[in-house]
C-alpha cells in the first residue's frame, strides 16, 4: 500500500473516529445533564418537605408555649364559671374580640409574624372565650357537636394537642391547618387553645424553591390532587382537571419520569416521599418537582460545549473529504477506491454504510473490519442521540414559540 494511500486512510479514519467521539460525547452530555437535573429535583423536593415539616413543628411548639401562659389559662378557667346565657351574650355582642385576653392573642399573632390567621381559646365546655377574629360558631364542644365536640377540640382534650389536616377554613377564609392544645389550670382541664396556621408560610417556601432552570415543587395528596403549589400555579390547587394520579412519576416505583403534566407540558417529574412519622407523612403528602424538559436536558453550557466540539468535528470531516476527493482523482478503481468511498459516506453522516472487503486478507482486510466496527458504534450512538434530541425538540414553551414567531415575522 502506497504511503500516500496510507496517509489518506489514516486521516479519514481519524475524522470518522472524531465523529464517533462527538456522538458519544453528545449522548453522554445529555444523559449526565438528565441525571444532574433528576438529583437536583429530588434534593429540592426533599428540602421543601423538610422546611415545611420544621415550620409546622415550630408552630406547634410555639402554641404549646402559649398554652402555659396564665393570661390564657386563668381567663379560660374564670370563663368556665359563667352561665351559658352570659357566655353566649358576650359572644353575640363580640365582647370576646375586645377583651384583654383577645388583645393578648393579637399580640401573640404579631410576635409570630402573622403566620397564624386566627387564634382563639374556649373554656372547658367548648364555649369561645377570646379570639383574634370573629368565629363562625360559639360552641365548639360536645353540646353543639355530640358526643365529644369538634374533632380538633375533642382530640386536643383527649391527647393534649392535635394537628389537623390542610383544609379551607371558613373563619379565616384561607387554606390552613388547625393546631390545637389543651389548657390546664392547676392540673385541671379548663379549655382548648386553637391557632389556624395559614399556608402563607408554606407558600413562601414553595415560591423560593427552584430546581434547575424553571423548575418548581408542588405538594400532592394521596389521591394525586394538588394541595399546595407556588403562587403562579394557584389555580392548580384542588383542581380535579390537574390531578397527577395518572403520572408515572406519581404511581411508578422509579419515582421519576419524563411526561406531560397538566399545567406545564413535557417535563422531568420527580417524586419525593416525606420521612416516616412526620406530620407531612401522616398527612399523606408527596412532593413533586417539575422541570420543563427543554430546560432540564440542555442548559446553555451544554449547548456551548456541543457546538464547540461539533465545529471541530466538522472541520476534521471536511479535511477528510477534501483528501478523499484528491485521492479519487488519482485512483478510480480497485478495493482501495471502494473502501475510500465507504469512509467518505460514513464521514458525511451515513450510518447505513456497508464496509466492503472485510474478508480480504492482510492490512486491507484488517482495516476494513476495524472500519466496520467503528461505523456500527457510530450508528448506535447516532440513534440514541437522535432520540434524545427529538425529546428536547418536541418540548415547546410559550417563550420559545414567541421567539420563533418573532423570527418568522422578521
Protein backbone atom coordinates (compact mmCIF):
# COMPACT_ATOMS: atom_id res chain seq x y z
CA UNK A 1 0.00 0.00 0.00
CA UNK A 2 1.45 3.35 -1.05
CA UNK A 3 2.47 5.88 1.56
CA UNK A 4 0.02 8.44 0.18
CA UNK A 5 -2.86 5.97 0.38
CA UNK A 6 -1.98 5.03 3.94
CA UNK A 7 -1.76 8.67 4.95
CA UNK A 8 -5.14 9.43 3.46
CA UNK A 9 -6.81 6.43 5.08
CA UNK A 10 -5.29 7.38 8.42
CA UNK A 11 -6.69 10.92 8.19
CA UNK A 12 -10.08 9.68 7.04
CA UNK A 13 -10.34 7.18 9.87
CA UNK A 14 -9.24 9.89 12.29
CA UNK A 15 -12.12 12.05 11.09
CA UNK A 16 -14.55 9.15 11.45
CA UNK A 17 -13.25 8.43 14.94
CA UNK A 18 -13.81 12.10 15.79
CA UNK A 19 -17.40 11.79 14.61
CA UNK A 20 -17.90 8.76 16.82
CA UNK A 21 -16.39 10.57 19.79
CA UNK A 22 -18.62 13.60 19.21
CA UNK A 23 -21.75 11.44 19.03
CA UNK A 24 -20.71 9.57 22.15
CA UNK A 25 -19.88 12.78 23.99
CA UNK A 26 -23.14 14.44 22.98
CA UNK A 27 -25.16 11.48 24.17
CA UNK A 28 -23.14 11.36 27.36
CA UNK A 29 -23.66 15.07 27.99
CA UNK A 30 -27.42 14.68 27.65
CA UNK A 31 -27.51 11.70 30.00
CA UNK A 32 -25.26 13.45 32.50
CA UNK A 33 -27.41 16.57 32.41
CA UNK A 34 -30.56 14.49 32.87
CA UNK A 35 -29.05 12.81 35.91
CA UNK A 36 -27.95 16.16 37.35
CA UNK A 37 -31.45 17.55 36.83
CA UNK A 38 -33.02 14.48 38.47
CA UNK A 39 -30.73 14.70 41.50
CA UNK A 40 -31.34 18.45 41.82
CA UNK A 41 -35.10 17.90 41.58
CA UNK A 42 -35.03 15.17 44.21
CA UNK A 43 -32.89 17.26 46.56
CA UNK A 44 -35.16 20.28 46.13
CA UNK A 45 -38.30 18.25 46.81
CA UNK A 46 -36.77 16.81 49.97
CA UNK A 47 -35.64 20.26 51.09
CA UNK A 48 -39.18 21.61 50.66
CA UNK A 49 -40.69 18.76 52.68
CA UNK A 50 -38.13 19.26 55.44
CA UNK A 51 -38.69 23.02 55.55
CA UNK A 52 -42.48 22.66 55.76
CA UNK A 53 -42.20 19.98 58.45
CA UNK A 54 -39.88 22.16 60.53
CA UNK A 55 -42.16 25.17 60.18
CA UNK A 56 -45.24 23.21 61.27
CA UNK A 57 -43.40 21.72 64.23
CA UNK A 58 -42.12 25.15 65.21
CA UNK A 59 -45.66 26.50 65.05
CA UNK A 60 -46.91 23.65 67.26
CA UNK A 61 -44.15 24.30 69.80
CA UNK A 62 -44.99 27.99 69.82
CA UNK A 63 -48.66 27.28 70.53
CA UNK A 64 -47.76 24.87 73.33
CA UNK A 65 -45.79 27.70 74.93
CA UNK A 66 -48.82 30.00 74.75
CA UNK A 67 -51.00 27.39 76.43
CA UNK A 68 -48.92 27.70 79.59
CA UNK A 69 -49.40 31.47 79.93
CA UNK A 70 -51.64 32.48 82.83
CA UNK A 71 -53.38 35.17 80.74
CA UNK A 72 -54.83 32.31 78.73
CA UNK A 73 -55.32 29.52 81.26
CA UNK A 74 -56.61 31.81 84.03
CA UNK A 75 -59.09 33.52 81.71
CA UNK A 76 -60.34 30.15 80.44
CA UNK A 77 -60.81 28.89 84.00
CA UNK A 78 -62.76 32.02 85.01
CA UNK A 79 -64.92 31.83 81.88
CA UNK A 80 -65.93 28.29 82.79
CA UNK A 81 -67.78 29.67 85.81
CA UNK A 82 -70.08 31.88 83.72
CA UNK A 83 -73.59 30.78 82.88
CA UNK A 84 -74.16 29.73 79.29
CA UNK A 85 -76.50 32.68 78.63
CA UNK A 86 -73.88 35.14 79.85
CA UNK A 87 -71.15 33.48 77.78
CA UNK A 88 -73.39 33.48 74.69
CA UNK A 89 -74.23 37.16 75.24
CA UNK A 90 -70.54 38.05 75.28
CA UNK A 91 -70.05 36.18 72.01
CA UNK A 92 -73.09 37.73 70.30
CA UNK A 93 -72.03 41.24 71.35
CA UNK A 94 -68.47 40.47 70.19
CA UNK A 95 -67.00 41.36 73.56
CA UNK A 96 -64.87 38.26 73.17
CA UNK A 97 -63.00 40.20 70.46
CA UNK A 98 -62.40 43.27 72.65
CA UNK A 99 -61.30 41.76 75.96
CA UNK A 100 -57.79 41.93 77.38
CA UNK A 101 -57.37 38.25 76.53
CA UNK A 102 -58.26 38.97 72.88
CA UNK A 103 -55.70 41.79 72.77
CA UNK A 104 -53.13 39.40 74.22
CA UNK A 105 -53.87 36.90 71.44
CA UNK A 106 -53.41 39.62 68.81
CA UNK A 107 -50.04 40.44 70.34
CA UNK A 108 -49.11 36.78 70.03
CA UNK A 109 -50.14 36.88 66.37
CA UNK A 110 -47.86 39.87 65.76
CA UNK A 111 -44.96 38.18 67.52
CA UNK A 112 -45.42 35.13 65.29
CA UNK A 113 -45.12 37.35 62.18
CA UNK A 114 -48.80 36.72 61.42
CA UNK A 115 -48.21 33.11 60.45
CA UNK A 116 -51.47 32.32 62.26
CA UNK A 117 -54.61 33.60 60.58
CA UNK A 118 -56.74 33.11 63.67
CA UNK A 119 -56.12 32.35 67.36
CA UNK A 120 -58.83 31.68 69.93
CA UNK A 121 -59.50 29.58 73.01
CA UNK A 122 -62.52 28.04 74.67
CA UNK A 123 -63.48 27.14 78.20
CA UNK A 124 -63.91 23.55 79.39
CA UNK A 125 -67.40 23.38 77.83
CA UNK A 126 -66.17 24.45 74.40
CA UNK A 127 -67.61 28.00 74.52
CA UNK A 128 -65.44 30.60 72.76
CA UNK A 129 -63.83 32.93 75.33
CA UNK A 130 -61.47 35.17 73.33
CA UNK A 131 -60.33 35.39 69.71
CA UNK A 132 -58.31 37.48 67.28
CA UNK A 133 -61.03 37.17 64.61
CA UNK A 134 -64.79 36.60 64.59
CA UNK A 135 -65.53 32.89 64.84
CA UNK A 136 -68.27 31.17 62.86
CA UNK A 137 -69.52 29.21 65.91
CA UNK A 138 -69.90 29.96 69.60
CA UNK A 139 -69.89 26.38 70.85
CA UNK A 140 -67.04 24.09 69.78
CA UNK A 141 -67.73 21.46 72.43
CA UNK A 142 -69.93 18.41 72.95
CA UNK A 143 -73.20 20.32 73.38
CA UNK A 144 -73.08 21.58 69.81
CA UNK A 145 -71.28 18.56 68.32
CA UNK A 146 -72.08 15.48 70.41
CA UNK A 147 -70.74 13.33 71.76
CA UNK A 148 -67.27 14.90 72.13
CA UNK A 149 -67.32 18.20 70.23
CA UNK A 150 -65.44 19.35 67.14
CA UNK A 151 -62.72 16.89 66.07
CA UNK A 152 -59.86 19.27 66.83
CA UNK A 153 -61.37 20.14 70.22
CA UNK A 154 -62.03 16.50 71.11
CA UNK A 155 -58.54 15.31 70.10
CA UNK A 156 -56.77 18.16 71.88
CA UNK A 157 -58.68 17.41 75.08
CA UNK A 158 -58.01 13.68 74.83
CA UNK A 159 -54.38 13.77 73.66
CA UNK A 160 -53.10 17.12 74.89
CA UNK A 161 -52.71 18.55 71.39
CA UNK A 162 -53.71 17.98 67.77
CA UNK A 163 -52.57 18.98 64.28
CA UNK A 164 -55.39 18.81 61.76
CA UNK A 165 -55.46 18.35 58.01
CA UNK A 166 -54.95 21.03 55.40
CA UNK A 167 -58.42 22.39 54.61
CA UNK A 168 -60.38 25.50 53.78
CA UNK A 169 -61.27 27.38 56.96
CA UNK A 170 -64.45 29.47 56.73
CA UNK A 171 -63.49 31.73 59.62
CA UNK A 172 -60.07 32.73 58.30
CA UNK A 173 -61.02 32.30 54.58
CA UNK A 174 -57.68 30.59 53.89
CA UNK A 175 -56.40 27.10 53.32
CA UNK A 176 -54.93 26.28 56.68
CA UNK A 177 -54.04 23.72 59.32
CA UNK A 178 -55.65 23.68 62.74
CA UNK A 179 -53.20 23.30 65.62
CA UNK A 180 -54.89 22.94 69.00
CA UNK A 181 -53.58 22.44 72.54
CA UNK A 182 -55.44 21.64 75.74
CA UNK A 183 -55.38 24.20 78.56
CA UNK A 184 -54.88 23.21 82.17
CA UNK A 185 -55.01 25.24 85.37
CA UNK A 186 -53.69 23.55 88.49
CA UNK A 187 -53.74 20.25 86.58
CA UNK A 188 -57.44 20.60 85.73
CA UNK A 189 -58.71 20.82 82.16
CA UNK A 190 -60.05 24.34 81.57
CA UNK A 191 -60.30 24.61 77.78
CA UNK A 192 -58.58 24.36 74.40
CA UNK A 193 -56.43 26.87 72.53
CA UNK A 194 -56.66 26.72 68.74
CA UNK A 195 -54.46 28.51 66.21
CA UNK A 196 -55.15 28.43 62.49
CA UNK A 197 -51.78 28.04 60.79
CA UNK A 198 -52.09 29.71 57.39
CA UNK A 199 -50.48 28.37 54.24
CA UNK A 200 -48.67 31.65 53.59
CA UNK A 201 -45.54 30.33 55.31
CA UNK A 202 -45.62 27.15 53.23
CA UNK A 203 -46.31 29.16 50.07
CA UNK A 204 -43.24 31.25 50.79
CA UNK A 205 -41.21 28.04 50.97
CA UNK A 206 -42.62 26.82 47.64
CA UNK A 207 -42.15 30.20 45.96
CA UNK A 208 -38.49 30.25 46.97
CA UNK A 209 -37.87 26.68 45.85
CA UNK A 210 -36.25 26.35 42.44
CA UNK A 211 -34.99 23.26 40.67
CA UNK A 212 -32.71 23.59 37.69
CA UNK A 213 -33.94 26.12 35.14
CA UNK A 214 -37.60 26.97 35.65
CA UNK A 215 -38.44 24.07 37.94
CA UNK A 216 -40.97 24.17 40.77
CA UNK A 217 -42.35 21.98 43.55
CA UNK A 218 -45.99 21.12 44.29
CA UNK A 219 -47.45 19.16 47.21
CA UNK A 220 -49.83 16.36 46.27
CA UNK A 221 -52.15 14.30 48.47
CA UNK A 222 -52.56 10.54 48.32
CA UNK A 223 -55.20 10.77 45.57
CA UNK A 224 -52.99 12.83 43.29
CA UNK A 225 -54.71 16.16 43.92
CA UNK A 226 -52.51 19.23 44.33
CA UNK A 227 -52.94 20.63 47.85
CA UNK A 228 -50.29 23.33 47.68
CA UNK A 229 -48.45 24.98 44.78
CA UNK A 230 -46.36 28.10 44.13
CA UNK A 231 -48.25 31.37 43.70
CA UNK A 232 -48.11 31.28 39.89
CA UNK A 233 -49.83 27.87 39.93
CA UNK A 234 -52.52 28.69 42.49
CA UNK A 235 -55.24 27.68 40.00
CA UNK A 236 -53.95 24.10 40.17
CA UNK A 237 -54.72 23.71 43.90
CA UNK A 238 -57.71 21.41 44.33
CA UNK A 239 -58.35 21.45 40.57
CA UNK A 240 -59.52 17.98 39.55
CA UNK A 241 -58.54 18.66 35.94
CA UNK A 242 -54.94 18.99 37.08
CA UNK A 243 -54.66 15.84 39.19
CA UNK A 244 -51.45 13.89 38.81
CA UNK A 245 -52.88 10.48 39.70
CA UNK A 246 -52.03 9.14 36.23
CA UNK A 247 -48.43 10.34 36.10
CA UNK A 248 -45.84 7.55 36.10
CA UNK A 249 -43.65 9.57 38.45
CA UNK A 250 -46.51 9.58 40.97
CA UNK A 251 -47.60 5.96 40.58
CA UNK A 252 -44.42 4.14 39.49
CA UNK A 253 -41.62 2.62 41.51
CA UNK A 254 -38.84 4.69 39.93
CA UNK A 255 -40.13 7.96 41.33
CA UNK A 256 -39.19 9.95 38.24
CA UNK A 257 -40.10 10.05 34.57
CA UNK A 258 -40.40 12.29 31.53
CA UNK A 259 -44.04 13.00 30.75
CA UNK A 260 -46.63 15.69 30.14
CA UNK A 261 -48.01 17.40 33.22
CA UNK A 262 -51.46 19.05 33.02
CA UNK A 263 -50.11 22.56 33.65
CA UNK A 264 -46.62 22.56 32.14
CA UNK A 265 -46.18 20.33 29.09
CA UNK A 266 -43.45 17.71 28.80
CA UNK A 267 -41.28 17.80 31.88
CA UNK A 268 -38.93 15.85 34.08
CA UNK A 269 -41.09 14.92 37.08
CA UNK A 270 -39.56 13.60 40.31
CA UNK A 271 -41.47 12.27 43.33
CA UNK A 272 -40.12 12.58 46.87
CA UNK A 273 -41.75 10.88 49.86
CA UNK A 274 -41.52 12.51 53.31
CA UNK A 275 -39.70 10.89 56.17
CA UNK A 276 -41.80 8.45 58.18
CA UNK A 277 -43.68 9.52 61.30
CA UNK A 278 -43.58 13.21 60.43
CA UNK A 279 -46.63 15.43 60.16
CA UNK A 280 -46.19 15.67 56.38
CA UNK A 281 -46.04 11.87 56.22
CA UNK A 282 -49.18 11.49 58.35
CA UNK A 283 -50.95 13.99 56.13
CA UNK A 284 -50.15 11.74 53.16
CA UNK A 285 -48.40 14.45 51.16
CA UNK A 286 -45.85 13.89 48.42
CA UNK A 287 -43.56 16.45 46.81
CA UNK A 288 -43.43 16.53 43.02
CA UNK A 289 -40.62 18.53 41.46
CA UNK A 290 -41.37 19.52 37.86
CA UNK A 291 -38.70 20.82 35.46
CA UNK A 292 -39.65 21.65 31.83
CA UNK A 293 -37.81 19.18 29.64
CA UNK A 294 -36.19 21.71 27.33
CA UNK A 295 -34.65 23.37 30.38
CA UNK A 296 -33.76 20.16 32.18
CA UNK A 297 -31.79 18.47 29.41
CA UNK A 298 -29.74 21.11 27.66
CA UNK A 299 -28.60 24.08 29.71
CA UNK A 300 -26.63 26.81 27.94
CA UNK A 301 -23.26 25.39 28.98
CA UNK A 302 -24.03 22.00 27.40
CA UNK A 303 -25.18 23.64 24.18
CA UNK A 304 -21.97 25.65 24.02
CA UNK A 305 -19.83 22.56 24.60
CA UNK A 306 -21.65 20.59 21.91
CA UNK A 307 -21.40 23.49 19.47
CA UNK A 308 -17.66 23.91 20.04
CA UNK A 309 -16.89 20.20 19.74
CA UNK A 310 -19.20 19.82 16.75
CA UNK A 311 -17.42 22.63 14.91
CA UNK A 312 -14.08 20.88 15.40
CA UNK A 313 -15.50 17.58 14.20
CA UNK A 314 -16.97 19.14 11.06
CA UNK A 315 -13.61 20.71 10.27
CA UNK A 316 -11.88 17.34 10.57
CA UNK A 317 -14.51 15.67 8.39
CA UNK A 318 -14.19 18.41 5.78
CA UNK A 319 -10.42 17.85 5.60
CA UNK A 320 -11.02 14.12 5.15
CA UNK A 321 -13.49 14.72 2.33
CA UNK A 322 -11.06 17.02 0.52
CA UNK A 323 -8.37 14.37 0.80
CA UNK A 324 -10.87 11.79 -0.41
CA UNK A 325 -11.57 13.88 -3.50
CA UNK A 326 -7.87 14.24 -4.25
CA UNK A 327 -7.31 10.53 -3.82
CA UNK A 328 -10.24 9.52 -6.02
CA UNK A 329 -8.90 11.67 -8.82
CA UNK A 330 -5.78 9.52 -8.88
CA UNK A 331 -7.31 6.11 -8.09
CA UNK A 332 -10.62 5.38 -9.79
CA UNK A 333 -10.92 1.66 -9.23
CA UNK A 334 -9.98 -1.22 -7.00
CA UNK A 335 -10.54 -2.19 -3.37
CA UNK A 336 -8.92 0.97 -2.00
CA UNK A 337 -11.33 3.12 -4.02
CA UNK A 338 -14.35 1.21 -2.68
CA UNK A 339 -13.08 1.45 0.88
CA UNK A 340 -12.42 5.15 0.34
CA UNK A 341 -15.99 5.70 -0.83
CA UNK A 342 -17.33 3.89 2.25
CA UNK A 343 -15.23 6.12 4.51
CA UNK A 344 -16.50 9.21 2.68
CA UNK A 345 -20.14 8.15 3.09
CA UNK A 346 -19.62 7.50 6.80
CA UNK A 347 -17.93 10.87 7.18
CA UNK A 348 -21.00 12.53 5.65
CA UNK A 349 -23.15 11.01 8.40
CA UNK A 350 -24.41 7.90 6.62
CA UNK A 351 -24.85 5.37 9.40
CA UNK A 352 -26.08 2.65 7.00
CA UNK A 353 -22.70 2.21 5.31
CA UNK A 354 -21.73 -1.36 4.40
CA UNK A 355 -17.96 -1.64 4.56
CA UNK A 356 -16.55 -3.80 1.72
CA UNK A 357 -13.59 -6.19 1.73
CA UNK A 358 -13.90 -7.24 5.37
CA UNK A 359 -12.92 -10.77 4.34
CA UNK A 360 -9.81 -9.62 2.50
CA UNK A 361 -6.52 -10.64 3.99
CA UNK A 362 -3.63 -8.52 5.11
CA UNK A 363 -3.73 -4.85 6.04
CA UNK A 364 -6.71 -4.12 3.81
CA UNK A 365 -8.94 -6.73 5.49
CA UNK A 366 -7.91 -5.65 8.99
CA UNK A 367 -8.56 -2.02 8.11
CA UNK A 368 -12.00 -2.84 6.65
CA UNK A 369 -13.01 -4.82 9.76
CA UNK A 370 -11.93 -2.02 12.06
CA UNK A 371 -13.88 0.48 9.98
CA UNK A 372 -16.98 -1.75 10.18
CA UNK A 373 -16.77 -1.81 13.98
CA UNK A 374 -16.44 1.98 14.10
CA UNK A 375 -19.47 2.53 11.86
CA UNK A 376 -21.53 0.13 13.99
CA UNK A 377 -20.69 2.11 17.11
CA UNK A 378 -21.42 5.34 15.28
CA UNK A 379 -24.82 4.01 14.21
CA UNK A 380 -25.69 3.11 17.82
CA UNK A 381 -24.63 6.47 19.25
CA UNK A 382 -26.31 8.37 16.43
CA UNK A 383 -29.65 6.63 17.03
CA UNK A 384 -29.52 7.21 20.79
CA UNK A 385 -28.50 10.83 20.36
CA UNK A 386 -31.30 11.40 17.84
CA UNK A 387 -33.86 10.04 20.30
CA UNK A 388 -32.71 12.45 22.99
CA UNK A 389 -32.73 15.37 20.56
CA UNK A 390 -36.27 14.57 19.44
CA UNK A 391 -37.39 14.59 23.07
CA UNK A 392 -35.96 18.05 23.55
CA UNK A 393 -37.28 19.42 20.25
CA UNK A 394 -40.76 18.04 20.97
CA UNK A 395 -40.98 20.24 24.03
CA UNK A 396 -42.33 23.69 23.23
CA UNK A 397 -42.60 26.52 25.70
CA UNK A 398 -44.56 29.78 25.26
CA UNK A 399 -41.31 31.73 25.36
CA UNK A 400 -39.76 29.62 22.59
CA UNK A 401 -42.91 29.93 20.47
CA UNK A 402 -42.88 33.71 20.86
CA UNK A 403 -39.22 33.91 19.84
CA UNK A 404 -39.83 31.69 16.82
CA UNK A 405 -42.82 33.79 15.73
CA UNK A 406 -40.76 36.97 16.01
CA UNK A 407 -38.02 35.47 13.85
CA UNK A 408 -40.54 34.38 11.21
CA UNK A 409 -42.01 37.90 11.04
CA UNK A 410 -38.51 39.36 10.72
